[in-house]
Amino acid sequence: MAFRGWEKVKIKKDDGEVVDGIAPLIISASRATDIPAFYSRWFMERLNKGYVKWINPFSGKPQYVSFQKCRFIAFWTKNPSPIIPLLSEIEGKKIRYFFQMTLNDYEKERLELHVPSLDERICNFRSLSRRIGPEKVFWRFDPIILTGTITPEEILGRIERIGNRLAGFTKRLTVSFLSRYAKVDRNLKKAGLVIRDPDSKSVKKIGEGLRKLSQGWGMKVVSCAEQIDLSDYGIHNGSCIDPIVVAQNFGDDPELREFLGLNIEKDVFGNETFSFRAGLKDSGQRSLCRCLVSKDIGRYDTCAHGCVYCYANSSVQNTAKDLGFLT
């Protein structure tokens, strides 16, 4: 049976009021803001309270989300260090998790205004990997941005320098080219950058370079909701919240297994083949996104990294001052 929405529950708020809510098995924290970097303590407080209030970015209406049924959390971050000391508490609640960590190098262009230094971010990545294992922390170089000075050769050099230090600390690299949303173009123009859309020659150079690098690192490279076809270079459109990754790491959880409709078969060589029930694609994401359905609990315009290319902040001046979702 296809996914028809998360279970509806009653939630008792901090003030005693009882409201309608949902109880997802899978939570995304978050595509809309960096919860591990800026809101780890808030997250743990809400986890202990048992629910969070989420605001729909289009209608402005609140939705209450219970942690009652939560079995798995996908964390998205550029700086996991604040949440690393809290992971034992999450594990104590029998909740599983993995991390998608974006680790770019746009220091020269100052496109990520308030992230830690590149060296510190690499050290944080390695620390997280040592803590939870390389199969549960995934590297994102996202987005790939090309300008007059950031050539395909230059961007490959930056990716190579990072990847050489992450080899053995992750099993997957996710990439995508810059999505030209209107507000992203506006912010990049204000920053004085003239963006080049990737032509076929650039795509070929980057694709071939990534294939060669990944073979040396022993990493799988996938793309994220990417319109440009990179399959000639062994790079296919992946799933950031990948049902196969969830099954491989957390398939022993009976509730997750039942939700996925997971069936695992082995051939005579011991190779595993996974199958899932239909209809689990997250319909709330972009059409090319192949992620497993989840409930995101973040809110736009609350991330203080100040990344010029960010689609989730309306301007680079926005910081974490609007904390209306922290209830």
C-alpha atoms as a PDB file:
ATOM      1  CA  MET A   1       0.000   0.000   0.000  1.00  0.00           C
ATOM      2  CA  ALA A   2       1.350   3.437  -0.956  1.00  0.00           C
ATOM      3  CA  PHE A   3       2.124   6.035   1.703  1.00  0.00           C
ATOM      4  CA  ARG A   4      -1.010   8.002   2.618  1.00  0.00           C
ATOM      5  CA  GLY A   5       0.335  10.325   5.286  1.00  0.00           C
ATOM      6  CA  TRP A   6       1.650  10.063   8.809  1.00  0.00           C
ATOM      7  CA  GLU A   7      -0.465   8.777  11.668  1.00  0.00           C
ATOM      8  CA  LYS A   8      -2.630  11.436  13.275  1.00  0.00           C
ATOM      9  CA  VAL A   9      -2.329  11.841  17.040  1.00  0.00           C
ATOM     10  CA  LYS A  10      -3.353  14.133  19.874  1.00  0.00           C
ATOM     11  CA  ILE A  11      -0.535  16.218  21.362  1.00  0.00           C
ATOM     12  CA  LYS A  12      -0.573  17.867  24.763  1.00  0.00           C
ATOM     13  CA  LYS A  13       1.278  21.176  24.528  1.00  0.00           C
ATOM     14  CA  ASP A  14       3.492  22.701  27.203  1.00  0.00           C
ATOM     15  CA  ASP A  15       0.574  24.878  28.345  1.00  0.00           C
ATOM     16  CA  GLY A  16      -1.748  21.870  28.681  1.00  0.00           C
ATOM     17  CA  GLU A  17      -3.787  22.485  25.534  1.00  0.00           C
ATOM     18  CA  VAL A  18      -4.457  19.355  23.474  1.00  0.00           C
ATOM     19  CA  VAL A  19      -4.051  19.788  19.716  1.00  0.00           C
ATOM     20  CA  ASP A  20      -4.143  17.605  16.616  1.00  0.00           C
ATOM     21  CA  GLY A  21      -0.803  16.537  15.235  1.00  0.00           C
ATOM     22  CA  ILE A  22       1.067  13.920  13.243  1.00  0.00           C
ATOM     23  CA  ALA A  23       3.536  11.256  14.374  1.00  0.00           C
ATOM     24  CA  PRO A  24       6.075  10.563  11.602  1.00  0.00           C
ATOM     25  CA  LEU A  25       8.489   7.651  11.717  1.00  0.00           C
ATOM     26  CA  ILE A  26      11.130   9.612   9.798  1.00  0.00           C
ATOM     27  CA  ILE A  27      12.087  13.222  10.588  1.00  0.00           C
ATOM     28  CA  SER A  28      14.321  15.532   8.571  1.00  0.00           C
ATOM     29  CA  ALA A  29      16.268  18.058  10.653  1.00  0.00           C
ATOM     30  CA  SER A  30      16.477  19.958   8.413  1.00  0.00           C
ATOM     31  CA  ARG A  31      16.648  20.999   4.775  1.00  0.00           C
ATOM     32  CA  ALA A  32      15.352  24.452   5.762  1.00  0.00           C
ATOM     33  CA  THR A  33      17.868  25.402   8.461  1.00  0.00           C
ATOM     34  CA  ASP A  34      20.947  24.003  10.210  1.00  0.00           C
ATOM     35  CA  ILE A  35      19.494  22.524  13.392  1.00  0.00           C
ATOM     36  CA  PRO A  36      22.692  20.697  14.505  1.00  0.00           C
ATOM     37  CA  ALA A  37      24.794  23.868  14.170  1.00  0.00           C
ATOM     38  CA  PHE A  38      22.454  26.417  15.768  1.00  0.00           C
ATOM     39  CA  TYR A  39      19.582  24.641  17.523  1.00  0.00           C
ATOM     40  CA  SER A  40      20.963  21.460  19.076  1.00  0.00           C
ATOM     41  CA  ARG A  41      19.879  22.358  22.604  1.00  0.00           C
ATOM     42  CA  TRP A  42      16.464  23.446  21.378  1.00  0.00           C
ATOM     43  CA  PHE A  43      16.143  20.183  19.448  1.00  0.00           C
ATOM     44  CA  MET A  44      16.946  18.111  22.521  1.00  0.00           C
ATOM     45  CA  GLU A  45      14.487  20.142  24.595  1.00  0.00           C
ATOM     46  CA  ARG A  46      11.719  19.511  22.060  1.00  0.00           C
ATOM     47  CA  LEU A  47      12.668  15.857  21.767  1.00  0.00           C
ATOM     48  CA  ASN A  48      12.306  15.534  25.538  1.00  0.00           C
ATOM     49  CA  LYS A  49       9.026  17.468  25.477  1.00  0.00           C
ATOM     50  CA  GLY A  50       7.806  15.057  22.812  1.00  0.00           C
ATOM     51  CA  TYR A  51       6.701  17.396  20.047  1.00  0.00           C
ATOM     52  CA  VAL A  52       7.583  20.416  17.922  1.00  0.00           C
ATOM     53  CA  LYS A  53       5.494  23.104  16.255  1.00  0.00           C
ATOM     54  CA  TRP A  54       6.274  23.498  12.548  1.00  0.00           C
ATOM     55  CA  ILE A  55       5.117  26.493  10.483  1.00  0.00           C
ATOM     56  CA  ASN A  56       4.075  25.923   6.883  1.00  0.00           C
ATOM     57  CA  PRO A  57       6.251  28.353   4.823  1.00  0.00           C
ATOM     58  CA  PHE A  58       3.464  28.956   2.296  1.00  0.00           C
ATOM     59  CA  SER A  59       0.330  29.240   4.403  1.00  0.00           C
ATOM     60  CA  GLY A  60       1.909  30.324   7.687  1.00  0.00           C
ATOM     61  CA  LYS A  61      -0.248  27.792   9.526  1.00  0.00           C
ATOM     62  CA  PRO A  62       1.227  25.703  12.348  1.00  0.00           C
ATOM     63  CA  GLN A  63       1.425  21.936  12.379  1.00  0.00           C
ATOM     64  CA  TYR A  64       2.276  19.935  15.476  1.00  0.00           C
ATOM     65  CA  VAL A  65       4.710  17.070  15.035  1.00  0.00           C
ATOM     66  CA  SER A  66       5.050  14.355  17.667  1.00  0.00           C
ATOM     67  CA  PHE A  67       8.240  12.374  18.286  1.00  0.00           C
ATOM     68  CA  GLN A  68       6.158   9.525  19.695  1.00  0.00           C
ATOM     69  CA  LYS A  69       6.645   7.242  16.671  1.00  0.00           C
ATOM     70  CA  CYS A  70       9.993   8.571  15.462  1.00  0.00           C
ATOM     71  CA  ARG A  71      12.434   5.805  14.560  1.00  0.00           C
ATOM     72  CA  PHE A  72      14.930   7.661  12.372  1.00  0.00           C
ATOM     73  CA  ILE A  73      16.249  11.225  11.923  1.00  0.00           C
ATOM     74  CA  ALA A  74      18.123  12.585   8.926  1.00  0.00           C
ATOM     75  CA  PHE A  75      20.332  15.462  10.100  1.00  0.00           C
ATOM     76  CA  TRP A  76      21.562  18.060   7.596  1.00  0.00           C
ATOM     77  CA  THR A  77      24.399  20.360   8.632  1.00  0.00           C
ATOM     78  CA  LYS A  78      27.561  22.295   7.848  1.00  0.00           C
ATOM     79  CA  ASN A  79      28.741  22.131  11.452  1.00  0.00           C
ATOM     80  CA  PRO A  80      27.817  19.062  13.526  1.00  0.00           C
ATOM     81  CA  SER A  81      30.099  19.852  16.474  1.00  0.00           C
ATOM     82  CA  PRO A  82      27.352  21.241  18.797  1.00  0.00           C
ATOM     83  CA  ILE A  83      25.245  18.101  18.521  1.00  0.00           C
ATOM     84  CA  ILE A  84      28.000  15.480  18.764  1.00  0.00           C
ATOM     85  CA  PRO A  85      28.011  15.549  22.618  1.00  0.00           C
ATOM     86  CA  LEU A  86      24.223  15.029  22.556  1.00  0.00           C
ATOM     87  CA  LEU A  87      24.126  11.959  20.336  1.00  0.00           C
ATOM     88  CA  SER A  88      24.205   9.542  23.259  1.00  0.00           C
ATOM     89  CA  GLU A  89      20.984  11.084  24.558  1.00  0.00           C
ATOM     90  CA  ILE A  90      19.308  10.573  21.163  1.00  0.00           C
ATOM     91  CA  GLU A  91      20.560   6.997  21.074  1.00  0.00           C
ATOM     92  CA  GLY A  92      19.174   6.476  24.568  1.00  0.00           C
ATOM     93  CA  LYS A  93      15.714   7.123  23.122  1.00  0.00           C
ATOM     94  CA  LYS A  94      16.253   4.268  20.632  1.00  0.00           C
ATOM     95  CA  ILE A  95      16.145   6.705  17.718  1.00  0.00           C
ATOM     96  CA  ARG A  96      18.493   6.007  14.807  1.00  0.00           C
ATOM     97  CA  TYR A  97      20.058   8.703  12.635  1.00  0.00           C
ATOM     98  CA  PHE A  98      22.565   9.650   9.975  1.00  0.00           C
ATOM     99  CA  PHE A  99      24.111  12.932   8.832  1.00  0.00           C
ATOM    100  CA  GLN A 100      24.288  14.724   5.507  1.00  0.00           C
ATOM    101  CA  MET A 101      27.168  17.191   5.956  1.00  0.00           C
ATOM    102  CA  THR A 102      27.775  19.874   3.354  1.00  0.00           C
ATOM    103  CA  LEU A 103      31.480  20.609   3.103  1.00  0.00           C
ATOM    104  CA  ASN A 104      32.296  23.065   0.319  1.00  0.00           C
ATOM    105  CA  ASP A 105      35.275  25.307  -0.319  1.00  0.00           C
ATOM    106  CA  TYR A 106      34.177  28.815  -1.248  1.00  0.00           C
ATOM    107  CA  GLU A 107      36.365  30.552   1.318  1.00  0.00           C
ATOM    108  CA  LYS A 108      38.139  32.708  -1.274  1.00  0.00           C
ATOM    109  CA  GLU A 109      34.805  34.023  -2.589  1.00  0.00           C
ATOM    110  CA  ARG A 110      33.275  34.319   0.929  1.00  0.00           C
ATOM    111  CA  LEU A 111      30.090  32.594  -0.218  1.00  0.00           C
ATOM    112  CA  GLU A 112      29.592  30.905   3.165  1.00  0.00           C
ATOM    113  CA  LEU A 113      30.024  33.862   5.440  1.00  0.00           C
ATOM    114  CA  HIS A 114      29.740  32.374   8.912  1.00  0.00           C
ATOM    115  CA  VAL A 115      30.705  28.715   8.629  1.00  0.00           C
ATOM    116  CA  PRO A 116      33.808  27.549  10.513  1.00  0.00           C
ATOM    117  CA  SER A 117      37.097  27.465   8.623  1.00  0.00           C
ATOM    118  CA  LEU A 118      37.578  24.722   6.055  1.00  0.00           C
ATOM    119  CA  ASP A 119      40.160  22.984   8.259  1.00  0.00           C
ATOM    120  CA  GLU A 120      37.778  23.032  11.227  1.00  0.00           C
ATOM    121  CA  ARG A 121      34.909  21.675   9.151  1.00  0.00           C
ATOM    122  CA  ILE A 122      37.043  18.820   7.865  1.00  0.00           C
ATOM    123  CA  CYS A 123      38.107  18.021  11.433  1.00  0.00           C
ATOM    124  CA  ASN A 124      34.455  18.110  12.524  1.00  0.00           C
ATOM    125  CA  PHE A 125      33.511  15.729   9.726  1.00  0.00           C
ATOM    126  CA  ARG A 126      36.229  13.294  10.722  1.00  0.00           C
ATOM    127  CA  SER A 127      35.253  13.531  14.405  1.00  0.00           C
ATOM    128  CA  LEU A 128      31.627  12.771  13.572  1.00  0.00           C
ATOM    129  CA  SER A 129      32.672   9.846  11.383  1.00  0.00           C
ATOM    130  CA  ARG A 130      34.819   8.403  14.152  1.00  0.00           C
ATOM    131  CA  ARG A 131      31.849   8.722  16.517  1.00  0.00           C
ATOM    132  CA  ILE A 132      29.114   7.157  14.354  1.00  0.00           C
ATOM    133  CA  GLY A 133      30.925   5.411  11.493  1.00  0.00           C
ATOM    134  CA  PRO A 134      31.671   6.376   7.864  1.00  0.00           C
ATOM    135  CA  GLU A 135      28.526   4.611   6.644  1.00  0.00           C
ATOM    136  CA  LYS A 136      26.337   7.121   8.560  1.00  0.00           C
ATOM    137  CA  VAL A 137      27.897  10.453   7.584  1.00  0.00           C
ATOM    138  CA  PHE A 138      27.724  11.563   3.961  1.00  0.00           C
ATOM    139  CA  TRP A 139      29.697  14.327   2.292  1.00  0.00           C
ATOM    140  CA  ARG A 140      27.921  16.896   0.147  1.00  0.00           C
ATOM    141  CA  PHE A 141      29.790  19.280  -2.128  1.00  0.00           C
ATOM    142  CA  ASP A 142      26.693  21.217  -2.979  1.00  0.00           C
ATOM    143  CA  PRO A 143      26.244  23.342  -4.941  1.00  0.00           C
ATOM    144  CA  ILE A 144      28.941  23.284  -7.603  1.00  0.00           C
ATOM    145  CA  ILE A 145      29.277  26.916  -8.682  1.00  0.00           C
ATOM    146  CA  LEU A 146      31.105  28.053 -11.809  1.00  0.00           C
ATOM    147  CA  THR A 147      32.230  31.626 -12.476  1.00  0.00           C
ATOM    148  CA  GLY A 148      34.925  33.277 -14.547  1.00  0.00           C
ATOM    149  CA  THR A 149      37.497  32.312 -11.921  1.00  0.00           C
ATOM    150  CA  ILE A 150      35.904  29.135 -10.540  1.00  0.00           C
ATOM    151  CA  THR A 151      36.592  26.986 -13.584  1.00  0.00           C
ATOM    152  CA  PRO A 152      35.903  23.238 -13.845  1.00  0.00           C
ATOM    153  CA  GLU A 153      39.607  22.652 -13.161  1.00  0.00           C
ATOM    154  CA  GLU A 154      39.481  24.909 -10.100  1.00  0.00           C
ATOM    155  CA  ILE A 155      36.366  23.311  -8.623  1.00  0.00           C
ATOM    156  CA  LEU A 156      37.806  19.824  -9.150  1.00  0.00           C
ATOM    157  CA  GLY A 157      40.978  20.901  -7.359  1.00  0.00           C
ATOM    158  CA  ARG A 158      38.961  22.105  -4.378  1.00  0.00           C
ATOM    159  CA  ILE A 159      36.908  18.911  -4.278  1.00  0.00           C
ATOM    160  CA  GLU A 160      40.080  16.823  -4.543  1.00  0.00           C
ATOM    161  CA  ARG A 161      41.776  18.587  -1.629  1.00  0.00           C
ATOM    162  CA  ILE A 162      38.774  17.975   0.612  1.00  0.00           C
ATOM    163  CA  GLY A 163      38.214  14.417  -0.597  1.00  0.00           C
ATOM    164  CA  ASN A 164      41.823  13.445   0.038  1.00  0.00           C
ATOM    165  CA  ARG A 165      41.248  14.272   3.710  1.00  0.00           C
ATOM    166  CA  LEU A 166      37.852  12.571   3.919  1.00  0.00           C
ATOM    167  CA  ALA A 167      38.839   9.284   2.262  1.00  0.00           C
ATOM    168  CA  GLY A 168      38.007   6.495   4.683  1.00  0.00           C
ATOM    169  CA  PHE A 169      35.690   8.754   6.698  1.00  0.00           C
ATOM    170  CA  THR A 170      32.677   8.473   4.383  1.00  0.00           C
ATOM    171  CA  LYS A 171      31.377   6.199   1.678  1.00  0.00           C
ATOM    172  CA  ARG A 172      29.385   8.689  -0.393  1.00  0.00           C
ATOM    173  CA  LEU A 173      29.737  12.100  -2.035  1.00  0.00           C
ATOM    174  CA  THR A 174      26.641  13.954  -3.233  1.00  0.00           C
ATOM    175  CA  VAL A 175      26.961  16.771  -5.767  1.00  0.00           C
ATOM    176  CA  SER A 176      24.707  19.083  -7.728  1.00  0.00           C
ATOM    177  CA  PHE A 177      25.100  22.210  -9.797  1.00  0.00           C
ATOM    178  CA  LEU A 178      23.732  25.515  -8.537  1.00  0.00           C
ATOM    179  CA  SER A 179      19.950  25.864  -8.847  1.00  0.00           C
ATOM    180  CA  ARG A 180      19.206  29.326 -10.211  1.00  0.00           C
ATOM    181  CA  TYR A 181      16.299  30.401  -8.014  1.00  0.00           C
ATOM    182  CA  ALA A 182      15.399  34.084  -8.380  1.00  0.00           C
ATOM    183  CA  LYS A 183      16.440  34.995  -4.833  1.00  0.00           C
ATOM    184  CA  VAL A 184      19.693  33.035  -5.244  1.00  0.00           C
ATOM    185  CA  ASP A 185      20.541  34.946  -8.430  1.00  0.00           C
ATOM    186  CA  ARG A 186      19.676  38.200  -6.681  1.00  0.00           C
ATOM    187  CA  ASN A 187      21.960  37.470  -3.733  1.00  0.00           C
ATOM    188  CA  LEU A 188      24.832  36.313  -5.947  1.00  0.00           C
ATOM    189  CA  LYS A 189      24.512  39.442  -8.078  1.00  0.00           C
ATOM    190  CA  LYS A 190      24.669  41.608  -4.937  1.00  0.00           C
ATOM    191  CA  ALA A 191      27.867  39.745  -4.019  1.00  0.00           C
ATOM    192  CA  GLY A 192      29.365  40.735  -7.377  1.00  0.00           C
ATOM    193  CA  LEU A 193      29.464  37.221  -8.833  1.00  0.00           C
ATOM    194  CA  VAL A 194      28.695  36.428 -12.448  1.00  0.00           C
ATOM    195  CA  ILE A 195      27.564  32.810 -12.555  1.00  0.00           C
ATOM    196  CA  ARG A 196      28.312  30.567 -15.521  1.00  0.00           C
ATOM    197  CA  ASP A 197      25.810  27.848 -16.303  1.00  0.00           C
ATOM    198  CA  PRO A 198      27.664  24.589 -16.938  1.00  0.00           C
ATOM    199  CA  ASP A 199      28.052  23.845 -20.657  1.00  0.00           C
ATOM    200  CA  SER A 200      28.652  20.375 -22.063  1.00  0.00           C
ATOM    201  CA  LYS A 201      32.428  20.793 -21.980  1.00  0.00           C
ATOM    202  CA  SER A 202      32.366  21.812 -18.314  1.00  0.00           C
ATOM    203  CA  VAL A 203      30.024  18.970 -17.404  1.00  0.00           C
ATOM    204  CA  LYS A 204      32.305  16.476 -19.166  1.00  0.00           C
ATOM    205  CA  LYS A 205      35.400  17.811 -17.401  1.00  0.00           C
ATOM    206  CA  ILE A 206      33.767  17.724 -13.973  1.00  0.00           C
ATOM    207  CA  GLY A 207      32.085  14.359 -14.523  1.00  0.00           C
ATOM    208  CA  GLU A 208      35.265  12.665 -15.691  1.00  0.00           C
ATOM    209  CA  GLY A 209      37.231  14.265 -12.874  1.00  0.00           C
ATOM    210  CA  LEU A 210      34.772  13.124 -10.210  1.00  0.00           C
ATOM    211  CA  ARG A 211      34.765   9.593 -11.569  1.00  0.00           C
ATOM    212  CA  LYS A 212      38.548   9.379 -11.377  1.00  0.00           C
ATOM    213  CA  LEU A 213      38.729  10.932  -7.908  1.00  0.00           C
ATOM    214  CA  SER A 214      35.987   8.734  -6.478  1.00  0.00           C
ATOM    215  CA  GLN A 215      37.726   5.592  -7.653  1.00  0.00           C
ATOM    216  CA  GLY A 216      40.860   6.619  -5.788  1.00  0.00           C
ATOM    217  CA  TRP A 217      38.905   7.449  -2.636  1.00  0.00           C
ATOM    218  CA  GLY A 218      36.629   4.421  -2.696  1.00  0.00           C
ATOM    219  CA  MET A 219      33.537   6.655  -2.546  1.00  0.00           C
ATOM    220  CA  LYS A 220      30.297   6.436  -4.448  1.00  0.00           C
ATOM    221  CA  VAL A 221      29.330   9.721  -6.144  1.00  0.00           C
ATOM    222  CA  VAL A 222      25.654  10.527  -6.681  1.00  0.00           C
ATOM    223  CA  SER A 223      23.808  13.651  -7.772  1.00  0.00           C
ATOM    224  CA  CYS A 224      20.969  15.390  -5.934  1.00  0.00           C
ATOM    225  CA  ALA A 225      17.795  16.223  -7.908  1.00  0.00           C
ATOM    226  CA  GLU A 226      20.077  17.170 -10.797  1.00  0.00           C
ATOM    227  CA  GLN A 227      18.645  17.964 -14.227  1.00  0.00           C
ATOM    228  CA  ILE A 228      22.024  17.520 -15.914  1.00  0.00           C
ATOM    229  CA  ASP A 229      22.613  13.887 -16.842  1.00  0.00           C
ATOM    230  CA  LEU A 230      25.894  12.681 -15.342  1.00  0.00           C
ATOM    231  CA  SER A 231      25.271   8.977 -15.901  1.00  0.00           C
ATOM    232  CA  ASP A 232      27.982   8.758 -18.586  1.00  0.00           C
ATOM    233  CA  TYR A 233      30.454   9.302 -15.726  1.00  0.00           C
ATOM    234  CA  GLY A 234      28.898   6.731 -13.398  1.00  0.00           C
ATOM    235  CA  ILE A 235      27.097   9.450 -11.413  1.00  0.00           C
ATOM    236  CA  HIS A 236      23.393   8.763 -11.070  1.00  0.00           C
ATOM    237  CA  ASN A 237      20.612  10.696  -9.385  1.00  0.00           C
ATOM    238  CA  GLY A 238      20.725   9.537  -5.782  1.00  0.00           C
ATOM    239  CA  SER A 239      18.527   9.745  -2.713  1.00  0.00           C
ATOM    240  CA  CYS A 240      19.824  11.784   0.205  1.00  0.00           C
ATOM    241  CA  ILE A 241      17.374   9.969   2.452  1.00  0.00           C
ATOM    242  CA  ASP A 242      18.053   6.706   0.685  1.00  0.00           C
ATOM    243  CA  PRO A 243      15.819   3.726   1.536  1.00  0.00           C
ATOM    244  CA  ILE A 244      18.685   1.342   0.776  1.00  0.00           C
ATOM    245  CA  VAL A 245      21.024   3.182   3.161  1.00  0.00           C
ATOM    246  CA  VAL A 246      18.301   3.207   5.810  1.00  0.00           C
ATOM    247  CA  ALA A 247      17.717  -0.514   5.276  1.00  0.00           C
ATOM    248  CA  GLN A 248      21.433  -1.362   5.398  1.00  0.00           C
ATOM    249  CA  ASN A 249      22.042   0.574   8.604  1.00  0.00           C
ATOM    250  CA  PHE A 250      18.726   0.351  10.430  1.00  0.00           C
ATOM    251  CA  GLY A 251      16.843  -2.542   8.850  1.00  0.00           C
ATOM    252  CA  ASP A 252      16.901  -4.366  12.176  1.00  0.00           C
ATOM    253  CA  ASP A 253      14.325  -1.881  13.521  1.00  0.00           C
ATOM    254  CA  PRO A 254      10.987  -3.720  13.155  1.00  0.00           C
ATOM    255  CA  GLU A 255       8.880  -0.558  12.765  1.00  0.00           C
ATOM    256  CA  LEU A 256      11.125   0.905  10.086  1.00  0.00           C
ATOM    257  CA  ARG A 257      11.269  -2.455   8.369  1.00  0.00           C
ATOM    258  CA  GLU A 258       7.475  -2.734   8.318  1.00  0.00           C
ATOM    259  CA  PHE A 259       7.067   0.860   7.113  1.00  0.00           C
ATOM    260  CA  LEU A 260       9.523   0.295   4.264  1.00  0.00           C
ATOM    261  CA  GLY A 261       7.936  -3.023   3.344  1.00  0.00           C
ATOM    262  CA  LEU A 262      11.535  -4.177   3.343  1.00  0.00           C
ATOM    263  CA  ASN A 263      12.487  -7.466   1.751  1.00  0.00           C
ATOM    264  CA  ILE A 264      16.135  -8.545   1.539  1.00  0.00           C
ATOM    265  CA  GLU A 265      17.296 -11.392  -0.691  1.00  0.00           C
ATOM    266  CA  LYS A 266      20.809 -12.796  -0.998  1.00  0.00           C
ATOM    267  CA  ASP A 267      22.326 -14.496  -4.020  1.00  0.00           C
ATOM    268  CA  VAL A 268      24.757 -17.426  -3.854  1.00  0.00           C
ATOM    269  CA  PHE A 269      27.643 -14.995  -3.366  1.00  0.00           C
ATOM    270  CA  GLY A 270      25.995 -13.282  -0.398  1.00  0.00           C
ATOM    271  CA  ASN A 271      25.136 -10.094  -2.295  1.00  0.00           C
ATOM    272  CA  GLU A 272      21.992  -8.432  -0.963  1.00  0.00           C
ATOM    273  CA  THR A 273      19.098  -7.128  -3.036  1.00  0.00           C
ATOM    274  CA  PHE A 274      16.602  -4.776  -1.394  1.00  0.00           C
ATOM    275  CA  SER A 275      12.984  -4.240  -2.354  1.00  0.00           C
ATOM    276  CA  PHE A 276      10.460  -1.837  -0.842  1.00  0.00           C
ATOM    277  CA  ARG A 277       6.783  -1.141  -1.020  1.00  0.00           C
ATOM    278  CA  ALA A 278       5.732   1.390  -3.633  1.00  0.00           C
ATOM    279  CA  GLY A 279       4.805   5.009  -3.015  1.00  0.00           C
ATOM    280  CA  LEU A 280       7.478   6.021  -0.481  1.00  0.00           C
ATOM    281  CA  LYS A 281       8.984   8.888  -2.512  1.00  0.00           C
ATOM    282  CA  ASP A 282       8.708  12.265  -0.766  1.00  0.00           C
ATOM    283  CA  SER A 283       6.122  14.112  -2.865  1.00  0.00           C
ATOM    284  CA  GLY A 284       6.854  17.351  -0.989  1.00  0.00           C
ATOM    285  CA  GLN A 285      10.301  17.693  -2.589  1.00  0.00           C
ATOM    286  CA  ARG A 286      11.395  18.665  -6.090  1.00  0.00           C
ATOM    287  CA  SER A 287      10.216  16.373  -8.878  1.00  0.00           C
ATOM    288  CA  LEU A 288      13.702  14.930  -9.431  1.00  0.00           C
ATOM    289  CA  CYS A 289      14.246  14.264  -5.723  1.00  0.00           C
ATOM    290  CA  ARG A 290      14.214  10.547  -4.947  1.00  0.00           C
ATOM    291  CA  CYS A 291      14.266  10.808  -1.156  1.00  0.00           C
ATOM    292  CA  LEU A 292      12.282   8.598   1.140  1.00  0.00           C
ATOM    293  CA  VAL A 293       9.291  10.420   2.610  1.00  0.00           C
ATOM    294  CA  SER A 294      10.046  12.295   5.838  1.00  0.00           C
ATOM    295  CA  LYS A 295       8.732  15.207   7.872  1.00  0.00           C
ATOM    296  CA  ASP A 296      10.955  18.291   7.909  1.00  0.00           C
ATOM    297  CA  ILE A 297      10.773  20.308  11.137  1.00  0.00           C
ATOM    298  CA  GLY A 298      12.891  23.341  10.162  1.00  0.00           C
ATOM    299  CA  ARG A 299      11.926  26.839   9.130  1.00  0.00           C
ATOM    300  CA  TYR A 300      13.255  29.111   6.395  1.00  0.00           C
ATOM    301  CA  ASP A 301      15.103  32.344   7.224  1.00  0.00           C
ATOM    302  CA  THR A 302      16.494  31.003  10.502  1.00  0.00           C
ATOM    303  CA  CYS A 303      19.983  29.830   9.471  1.00  0.00           C
ATOM    304  CA  ALA A 304      22.915  32.031  10.497  1.00  0.00           C
ATOM    305  CA  HIS A 305      25.553  30.592   8.170  1.00  0.00           C
ATOM    306  CA  GLY A 306      24.850  33.435   5.738  1.00  0.00           C
ATOM    307  CA  CYS A 307      25.542  31.406   2.578  1.00  0.00           C
ATOM    308  CA  VAL A 308      25.091  33.691  -0.413  1.00  0.00           C
ATOM    309  CA  TYR A 309      23.745  30.898  -2.634  1.00  0.00           C
ATOM    310  CA  CYS A 310      21.189  29.596  -0.087  1.00  0.00           C
ATOM    311  CA  TYR A 311      17.616  29.013  -1.262  1.00  0.00           C
ATOM    312  CA  ALA A 312      16.293  28.812   2.324  1.00  0.00           C
ATOM    313  CA  ASN A 313      17.127  32.419   3.299  1.00  0.00           C
ATOM    314  CA  SER A 314      15.526  35.294   1.459  1.00  0.00           C
ATOM    315  CA  SER A 315      18.651  37.423   1.923  1.00  0.00           C
ATOM    316  CA  VAL A 316      22.162  36.993   3.289  1.00  0.00           C
ATOM    317  CA  GLN A 317      21.346  39.548   5.993  1.00  0.00           C
ATOM    318  CA  ASN A 318      18.835  37.173   7.564  1.00  0.00           C
ATOM    319  CA  THR A 319      20.228  35.428  10.620  1.00  0.00           C
ATOM    320  CA  ALA A 320      18.730  33.282  13.339  1.00  0.00           C
ATOM    321  CA  LYS A 321      16.909  36.238  14.915  1.00  0.00           C
ATOM    322  CA  ASP A 322      13.487  34.994  13.831  1.00  0.00           C
ATOM    323  CA  LEU A 323      13.111  32.102  16.237  1.00  0.00           C
ATOM    324  CA  GLY A 324       9.344  31.818  15.875  1.00  0.00           C
ATOM    325  CA  PHE A 325       9.605  28.139  15.052  1.00  0.00           C
ATOM    326  CA  LEU A 326      11.351  27.384  18.349  1.00  0.00           C
ATOM    327  CA  THR A 327       8.208  26.450  20.250  1.00  0.00           C
END
